Amino acid sequence: MRPVQKVLMTMLLGGAVFAVGSVIVVSLVGAGLWRRGGVRAADGDLPVLGNVPAFAFHDQEDRPVTLESLRGSPWVADFIFTGCPGSCPMMTGKMAAMQQSLPSQVKLVSFSVDPEHDTPAVLKEYAQRFSADPKRWNFLTGDQDAIMAQARGMLLTALPATADQPIIHDGRFVLIDAQGRIRGAYQSNNPQELADLDRDAKRLVAEGARTKRPDAPQ
């Protein structure tokens, strides 16, 4: 392919991806599902944006991790990969800060969008660089198509690498409650949204503690 033709094809592909993404966002906004982290429903509660699809992957210790195994605790998720030169180290660093600032009941889950490279052994080495507690913070790998579908099911963007473009992945953190419901999405590079995430995660922990009390109202 000639250089000019390649440029034109790249521009057309970029325009198509942007158009598809715009349609998805507009559709979600129209359906009342797409809300920035920290936005409240009319009754003051965090909105329920959807349910996390079931999954079965392996973590950095080569242990199976499923949606069911995470039930009972709120958790924060992101999509990263160890070879990412830009946003991923920043996101993982901020997740490491959450490991220190959030209550221990809040689990952390990082899905690799480059699972062919990010084996459990590679993820374990990466996790150790950020002092990740393997009892609380899972770095997950598995089938590539399943990982990409998982991102879409959690209302995020993730696209595998092609001959013309690198891996594309969303830069947001997602907050999931103890029932596996999506309760917010927060830009990882926005200090206010990160503060919202901290507040909302702690709120889910407090709500869970109240419902477990014998005298809690039903």
C-alpha atoms as a PDB file:
ATOM      1  CA  MET A   1       0.000   0.000   0.000  1.00  0.00           C
ATOM      2  CA  ARG A   2       1.339   3.454  -0.949  1.00  0.00           C
ATOM      3  CA  PRO A   3       2.058   5.916   1.929  1.00  0.00           C
ATOM      4  CA  VAL A   4      -0.769   8.252   0.883  1.00  0.00           C
ATOM      5  CA  GLN A   5      -3.224   5.374   0.706  1.00  0.00           C
ATOM      6  CA  LYS A   6      -2.108   4.135   4.129  1.00  0.00           C
ATOM      7  CA  VAL A   7      -2.690   7.597   5.648  1.00  0.00           C
ATOM      8  CA  LEU A   8      -6.142   7.781   4.096  1.00  0.00           C
ATOM      9  CA  MET A   9      -7.040   4.308   5.358  1.00  0.00           C
ATOM     10  CA  THR A  10      -5.850   5.226   8.870  1.00  0.00           C
ATOM     11  CA  MET A  11      -7.955   8.405   8.806  1.00  0.00           C
ATOM     12  CA  LEU A  12     -11.009   6.484   7.640  1.00  0.00           C
ATOM     13  CA  LEU A  13     -10.511   3.822  10.311  1.00  0.00           C
ATOM     14  CA  GLY A  14     -10.057   6.456  13.009  1.00  0.00           C
ATOM     15  CA  GLY A  15     -13.213   8.221  11.850  1.00  0.00           C
ATOM     16  CA  ALA A  16     -15.164   4.979  11.916  1.00  0.00           C
ATOM     17  CA  VAL A  17     -13.981   4.118  15.444  1.00  0.00           C
ATOM     18  CA  PHE A  18     -14.866   7.622  16.638  1.00  0.00           C
ATOM     19  CA  ALA A  19     -18.292   7.415  15.013  1.00  0.00           C
ATOM     20  CA  VAL A  20     -19.047   4.029  16.546  1.00  0.00           C
ATOM     21  CA  GLY A  21     -17.860   5.224  19.952  1.00  0.00           C
ATOM     22  CA  SER A  22     -20.012   8.335  19.678  1.00  0.00           C
ATOM     23  CA  VAL A  23     -23.077   6.277  18.816  1.00  0.00           C
ATOM     24  CA  ILE A  24     -22.448   3.997  21.821  1.00  0.00           C
ATOM     25  CA  VAL A  25     -22.025   6.945  24.204  1.00  0.00           C
ATOM     26  CA  VAL A  26     -25.087   8.758  22.834  1.00  0.00           C
ATOM     27  CA  SER A  27     -27.138   5.564  23.135  1.00  0.00           C
ATOM     28  CA  LEU A  28     -26.047   5.033  26.715  1.00  0.00           C
ATOM     29  CA  VAL A  29     -26.766   8.631  27.634  1.00  0.00           C
ATOM     30  CA  GLY A  30     -30.191   8.369  26.034  1.00  0.00           C
ATOM     31  CA  ALA A  31     -30.887   5.204  27.981  1.00  0.00           C
ATOM     32  CA  GLY A  32     -29.871   6.886  31.229  1.00  0.00           C
ATOM     33  CA  LEU A  33     -27.011   4.403  31.752  1.00  0.00           C
ATOM     34  CA  TRP A  34     -23.943   6.549  31.101  1.00  0.00           C
ATOM     35  CA  ARG A  35     -23.179   8.693  34.131  1.00  0.00           C
ATOM     36  CA  ARG A  36     -19.884  10.032  35.378  1.00  0.00           C
ATOM     37  CA  GLY A  37     -18.672   8.766  38.728  1.00  0.00           C
ATOM     38  CA  GLY A  38     -20.102  10.680  41.642  1.00  0.00           C
ATOM     39  CA  VAL A  39     -23.426  11.535  39.972  1.00  0.00           C
ATOM     40  CA  ARG A  40     -26.343  10.582  42.168  1.00  0.00           C
ATOM     41  CA  ALA A  41     -29.732   9.132  41.320  1.00  0.00           C
ATOM     42  CA  ALA A  42     -32.802  11.138  42.308  1.00  0.00           C
ATOM     43  CA  ASP A  43     -33.033   9.421  45.702  1.00  0.00           C
ATOM     44  CA  GLY A  44     -29.413  10.244  46.540  1.00  0.00           C
ATOM     45  CA  ASP A  45     -28.110   6.704  45.982  1.00  0.00           C
ATOM     46  CA  LEU A  46     -25.373   5.733  43.567  1.00  0.00           C
ATOM     47  CA  PRO A  47     -26.922   4.718  40.248  1.00  0.00           C
ATOM     48  CA  VAL A  48     -26.896   1.120  39.106  1.00  0.00           C
ATOM     49  CA  LEU A  49     -25.385   1.241  35.616  1.00  0.00           C
ATOM     50  CA  GLY A  50     -25.619  -2.466  34.855  1.00  0.00           C
ATOM     51  CA  ASN A  51     -24.440  -5.899  35.917  1.00  0.00           C
ATOM     52  CA  VAL A  52     -20.882  -7.161  35.462  1.00  0.00           C
ATOM     53  CA  PRO A  53     -20.936 -10.135  33.057  1.00  0.00           C
ATOM     54  CA  ALA A  54     -19.820 -13.470  34.485  1.00  0.00           C
ATOM     55  CA  PHE A  55     -16.168 -14.284  33.862  1.00  0.00           C
ATOM     56  CA  ALA A  56     -13.514 -16.886  34.686  1.00  0.00           C
ATOM     57  CA  PHE A  57      -9.856 -15.863  34.445  1.00  0.00           C
ATOM     58  CA  HIS A  58      -6.586 -16.562  36.286  1.00  0.00           C
ATOM     59  CA  ASP A  59      -4.618 -14.146  38.437  1.00  0.00           C
ATOM     60  CA  GLN A  60      -0.919 -13.493  39.009  1.00  0.00           C
ATOM     61  CA  GLU A  61      -0.724 -16.509  41.318  1.00  0.00           C
ATOM     62  CA  ASP A  62      -2.388 -18.660  38.611  1.00  0.00           C
ATOM     63  CA  ARG A  63      -5.486 -18.951  40.787  1.00  0.00           C
ATOM     64  CA  PRO A  64      -8.960 -18.997  39.192  1.00  0.00           C
ATOM     65  CA  VAL A  65     -10.927 -15.794  39.802  1.00  0.00           C
ATOM     66  CA  THR A  66     -14.588 -15.460  38.858  1.00  0.00           C
ATOM     67  CA  LEU A  67     -17.357 -12.965  39.334  1.00  0.00           C
ATOM     68  CA  GLU A  68     -18.837 -15.300  41.929  1.00  0.00           C
ATOM     69  CA  SER A  69     -15.591 -15.440  43.909  1.00  0.00           C
ATOM     70  CA  LEU A  70     -15.683 -11.624  44.194  1.00  0.00           C
ATOM     71  CA  ARG A  71     -19.281 -11.434  45.392  1.00  0.00           C
ATOM     72  CA  GLY A  72     -19.741 -10.186  48.916  1.00  0.00           C
ATOM     73  CA  SER A  73     -17.207  -7.331  48.615  1.00  0.00           C
ATOM     74  CA  PRO A  74     -17.168  -4.112  46.611  1.00  0.00           C
ATOM     75  CA  TRP A  75     -14.309  -3.867  44.144  1.00  0.00           C
ATOM     76  CA  VAL A  76     -12.565  -1.444  41.817  1.00  0.00           C
ATOM     77  CA  ALA A  77     -11.548  -2.600  38.342  1.00  0.00           C
ATOM     78  CA  ASP A  78      -9.387  -1.304  35.532  1.00  0.00           C
ATOM     79  CA  PHE A  79      -8.031  -2.592  32.213  1.00  0.00           C
ATOM     80  CA  ILE A  80      -4.284  -2.309  31.676  1.00  0.00           C
ATOM     81  CA  PHE A  81      -1.321  -4.253  30.265  1.00  0.00           C
ATOM     82  CA  THR A  82       2.246  -4.598  31.448  1.00  0.00           C
ATOM     83  CA  GLY A  83       3.837  -3.418  28.187  1.00  0.00           C
ATOM     84  CA  CYS A  84       1.857  -0.174  28.156  1.00  0.00           C
ATOM     85  CA  PRO A  85       4.305   2.772  28.072  1.00  0.00           C
ATOM     86  CA  GLY A  86       1.805   5.504  28.898  1.00  0.00           C
ATOM     87  CA  SER A  87      -1.324   5.447  31.033  1.00  0.00           C
ATOM     88  CA  CYS A  88      -1.016   1.976  32.572  1.00  0.00           C
ATOM     89  CA  PRO A  89       1.838   2.661  35.021  1.00  0.00           C
ATOM     90  CA  MET A  90      -0.046   5.765  36.148  1.00  0.00           C
ATOM     91  CA  MET A  91      -3.287   3.832  36.589  1.00  0.00           C
ATOM     92  CA  THR A  92      -1.567   1.000  38.435  1.00  0.00           C
ATOM     93  CA  GLY A  93       0.195   3.500  40.679  1.00  0.00           C
ATOM     94  CA  LYS A  94      -3.138   5.061  41.565  1.00  0.00           C
ATOM     95  CA  MET A  95      -4.615   1.625  42.190  1.00  0.00           C
ATOM     96  CA  ALA A  96      -1.681   0.994  44.544  1.00  0.00           C
ATOM     97  CA  ALA A  97      -2.608   4.198  46.372  1.00  0.00           C
ATOM     98  CA  MET A  98      -6.183   2.898  46.698  1.00  0.00           C
ATOM     99  CA  GLN A  99      -4.782  -0.258  48.273  1.00  0.00           C
ATOM    100  CA  GLN A 100      -3.550   2.000  51.065  1.00  0.00           C
ATOM    101  CA  SER A 101      -6.427   4.481  51.298  1.00  0.00           C
ATOM    102  CA  LEU A 102      -9.538   2.311  50.868  1.00  0.00           C
ATOM    103  CA  PRO A 103     -10.915  -0.047  53.523  1.00  0.00           C
ATOM    104  CA  SER A 104      -9.588  -3.595  53.291  1.00  0.00           C
ATOM    105  CA  GLN A 105     -13.083  -4.809  52.323  1.00  0.00           C
ATOM    106  CA  VAL A 106     -12.640  -3.158  48.900  1.00  0.00           C
ATOM    107  CA  LYS A 107     -10.959  -5.546  46.454  1.00  0.00           C
ATOM    108  CA  LEU A 108      -8.928  -4.446  43.432  1.00  0.00           C
ATOM    109  CA  VAL A 109      -8.999  -6.139  40.024  1.00  0.00           C
ATOM    110  CA  SER A 110      -6.800  -5.313  37.019  1.00  0.00           C
ATOM    111  CA  PHE A 111      -7.690  -7.074  33.753  1.00  0.00           C
ATOM    112  CA  SER A 112      -4.880  -7.387  31.194  1.00  0.00           C
ATOM    113  CA  VAL A 113      -5.856  -6.398  27.657  1.00  0.00           C
ATOM    114  CA  ASP A 114      -2.699  -8.115  26.372  1.00  0.00           C
ATOM    115  CA  PRO A 115      -3.259 -11.603  27.808  1.00  0.00           C
ATOM    116  CA  GLU A 116      -1.097 -13.374  25.232  1.00  0.00           C
ATOM    117  CA  HIS A 117       1.956 -11.631  26.690  1.00  0.00           C
ATOM    118  CA  ASP A 118       0.705 -11.094  30.221  1.00  0.00           C
ATOM    119  CA  THR A 119       0.910 -14.598  31.624  1.00  0.00           C
ATOM    120  CA  PRO A 120       0.428 -15.151  35.358  1.00  0.00           C
ATOM    121  CA  ALA A 121       4.226 -15.080  35.789  1.00  0.00           C
ATOM    122  CA  VAL A 122       4.546 -11.748  33.947  1.00  0.00           C
ATOM    123  CA  LEU A 123       1.633 -10.290  35.918  1.00  0.00           C
ATOM    124  CA  LYS A 124       3.162 -11.487  39.197  1.00  0.00           C
ATOM    125  CA  GLU A 125       6.395  -9.637  38.484  1.00  0.00           C
ATOM    126  CA  TYR A 126       4.440  -6.526  37.479  1.00  0.00           C
ATOM    127  CA  ALA A 127       2.257  -6.743  40.604  1.00  0.00           C
ATOM    128  CA  GLN A 128       5.315  -6.977  42.833  1.00  0.00           C
ATOM    129  CA  ARG A 129       6.667  -3.742  41.357  1.00  0.00           C
ATOM    130  CA  PHE A 130       3.626  -1.990  42.813  1.00  0.00           C
ATOM    131  CA  SER A 131       3.612  -3.901  46.129  1.00  0.00           C
ATOM    132  CA  ALA A 132       0.238  -5.429  45.256  1.00  0.00           C
ATOM    133  CA  ASP A 133      -1.242  -7.616  47.989  1.00  0.00           C
ATOM    134  CA  PRO A 134      -2.208 -10.862  46.170  1.00  0.00           C
ATOM    135  CA  LYS A 135      -4.895 -11.532  48.799  1.00  0.00           C
ATOM    136  CA  ARG A 136      -6.679  -8.331  47.837  1.00  0.00           C
ATOM    137  CA  TRP A 137      -5.502  -7.259  44.370  1.00  0.00           C
ATOM    138  CA  ASN A 138      -5.935  -9.635  41.415  1.00  0.00           C
ATOM    139  CA  PHE A 139      -4.218  -9.121  38.058  1.00  0.00           C
ATOM    140  CA  LEU A 140      -6.229 -11.215  35.609  1.00  0.00           C
ATOM    141  CA  THR A 141      -5.364 -12.868  32.308  1.00  0.00           C
ATOM    142  CA  GLY A 142      -7.163 -15.266  30.005  1.00  0.00           C
ATOM    143  CA  ASP A 143      -8.618 -15.541  26.524  1.00  0.00           C
ATOM    144  CA  GLN A 144      -8.159 -12.289  24.581  1.00  0.00           C
ATOM    145  CA  ASP A 145     -11.650 -12.244  23.080  1.00  0.00           C
ATOM    146  CA  ALA A 146     -13.136 -12.895  26.515  1.00  0.00           C
ATOM    147  CA  ILE A 147     -11.118 -10.039  28.051  1.00  0.00           C
ATOM    148  CA  MET A 148     -12.251  -7.607  25.341  1.00  0.00           C
ATOM    149  CA  ALA A 149     -15.856  -8.732  25.751  1.00  0.00           C
ATOM    150  CA  GLN A 150     -15.512  -8.238  29.502  1.00  0.00           C
ATOM    151  CA  ALA A 151     -14.480  -4.624  28.990  1.00  0.00           C
ATOM    152  CA  ARG A 152     -17.459  -3.998  26.738  1.00  0.00           C
ATOM    153  CA  GLY A 153     -19.753  -5.643  29.256  1.00  0.00           C
ATOM    154  CA  MET A 154     -18.453  -3.211  31.864  1.00  0.00           C
ATOM    155  CA  LEU A 155     -19.191  -0.242  29.556  1.00  0.00           C
ATOM    156  CA  LEU A 156     -15.525   0.361  28.705  1.00  0.00           C
ATOM    157  CA  THR A 157     -13.543   0.507  25.460  1.00  0.00           C
ATOM    158  CA  ALA A 158     -10.875  -2.091  24.665  1.00  0.00           C
ATOM    159  CA  LEU A 159      -9.514  -3.053  21.245  1.00  0.00           C
ATOM    160  CA  PRO A 160      -6.669  -5.480  20.446  1.00  0.00           C
ATOM    161  CA  ALA A 161      -3.622  -4.392  18.492  1.00  0.00           C
ATOM    162  CA  THR A 162      -3.724  -4.577  14.708  1.00  0.00           C
ATOM    163  CA  ALA A 163      -1.165  -3.979  11.984  1.00  0.00           C
ATOM    164  CA  ASP A 164      -2.127  -0.308  11.933  1.00  0.00           C
ATOM    165  CA  GLN A 165      -2.842   0.528  15.582  1.00  0.00           C
ATOM    166  CA  PRO A 166      -1.632  -0.380  19.077  1.00  0.00           C
ATOM    167  CA  ILE A 167      -3.833  -1.785  21.842  1.00  0.00           C
ATOM    168  CA  ILE A 168      -6.585   0.636  22.803  1.00  0.00           C
ATOM    169  CA  HIS A 169      -8.074   0.561  26.280  1.00  0.00           C
ATOM    170  CA  ASP A 170     -10.166   2.756  28.543  1.00  0.00           C
ATOM    171  CA  GLY A 171      -8.506   4.920  31.180  1.00  0.00           C
ATOM    172  CA  ARG A 172     -11.295   4.738  33.745  1.00  0.00           C
ATOM    173  CA  PHE A 173     -11.724   2.894  37.005  1.00  0.00           C
ATOM    174  CA  VAL A 174     -15.027   1.086  37.533  1.00  0.00           C
ATOM    175  CA  LEU A 175     -16.682   0.665  40.933  1.00  0.00           C
ATOM    176  CA  ILE A 176     -18.643  -2.557  41.455  1.00  0.00           C
ATOM    177  CA  ASP A 177     -20.733  -3.358  44.510  1.00  0.00           C
ATOM    178  CA  ALA A 178     -20.908  -6.582  46.504  1.00  0.00           C
ATOM    179  CA  GLN A 179     -23.728  -7.854  44.249  1.00  0.00           C
ATOM    180  CA  GLY A 180     -21.675  -7.446  41.078  1.00  0.00           C
ATOM    181  CA  ARG A 181     -23.448  -4.269  39.910  1.00  0.00           C
ATOM    182  CA  ILE A 182     -21.632  -1.375  38.228  1.00  0.00           C
ATOM    183  CA  ARG A 183     -22.062   1.746  40.370  1.00  0.00           C
ATOM    184  CA  GLY A 184     -19.737   4.272  38.738  1.00  0.00           C
ATOM    185  CA  ALA A 185     -16.929   4.974  36.240  1.00  0.00           C
ATOM    186  CA  TYR A 186     -14.163   7.445  37.088  1.00  0.00           C
ATOM    187  CA  GLN A 187     -11.455   9.001  34.932  1.00  0.00           C
ATOM    188  CA  SER A 188      -8.072   7.951  36.287  1.00  0.00           C
ATOM    189  CA  ASN A 189      -6.475  11.296  35.394  1.00  0.00           C
ATOM    190  CA  ASN A 190      -9.145  13.457  37.043  1.00  0.00           C
ATOM    191  CA  PRO A 191      -8.444  14.289  40.730  1.00  0.00           C
ATOM    192  CA  GLN A 192     -12.071  15.155  41.476  1.00  0.00           C
ATOM    193  CA  GLU A 193     -13.349  11.893  40.040  1.00  0.00           C
ATOM    194  CA  LEU A 194     -10.727   9.955  42.005  1.00  0.00           C
ATOM    195  CA  ALA A 195     -11.971  11.711  45.148  1.00  0.00           C
ATOM    196  CA  ASP A 196     -15.511  10.694  44.136  1.00  0.00           C
ATOM    197  CA  LEU A 197     -14.357   7.094  43.745  1.00  0.00           C
ATOM    198  CA  ASP A 198     -12.763   7.118  47.205  1.00  0.00           C
ATOM    199  CA  ARG A 199     -15.966   8.481  48.743  1.00  0.00           C
ATOM    200  CA  ASP A 200     -18.280   6.132  46.842  1.00  0.00           C
ATOM    201  CA  ALA A 201     -16.236   2.993  47.586  1.00  0.00           C
ATOM    202  CA  LYS A 202     -16.239   3.843  51.294  1.00  0.00           C
ATOM    203  CA  ARG A 203     -19.975   4.425  51.105  1.00  0.00           C
ATOM    204  CA  LEU A 204     -20.533   0.944  49.679  1.00  0.00           C
ATOM    205  CA  VAL A 205     -18.482  -0.532  52.525  1.00  0.00           C
ATOM    206  CA  ALA A 206     -20.538   1.392  55.082  1.00  0.00           C
ATOM    207  CA  GLU A 207     -23.805   0.313  53.468  1.00  0.00           C
ATOM    208  CA  GLY A 208     -22.645  -3.308  53.485  1.00  0.00           C
ATOM    209  CA  ALA A 209     -21.774  -3.094  57.179  1.00  0.00           C
ATOM    210  CA  ARG A 210     -25.234  -1.720  57.987  1.00  0.00           C
ATOM    211  CA  THR A 211     -27.059  -4.481  56.124  1.00  0.00           C
ATOM    212  CA  LYS A 212     -25.053  -7.145  57.990  1.00  0.00           C
ATOM    213  CA  ARG A 213     -26.032  -5.847  61.427  1.00  0.00           C
ATOM    214  CA  PRO A 214     -28.744  -7.948  63.132  1.00  0.00           C
ATOM    215  CA  ASP A 215     -30.700  -4.790  63.954  1.00  0.00           C
ATOM    216  CA  ALA A 216     -30.360  -3.290  60.454  1.00  0.00           C
ATOM    217  CA  PRO A 217     -33.705  -2.335  58.853  1.00  0.00           C
ATOM    218  CA  GLN A 218     -34.784  -4.685  56.091  1.00  0.00           C
END
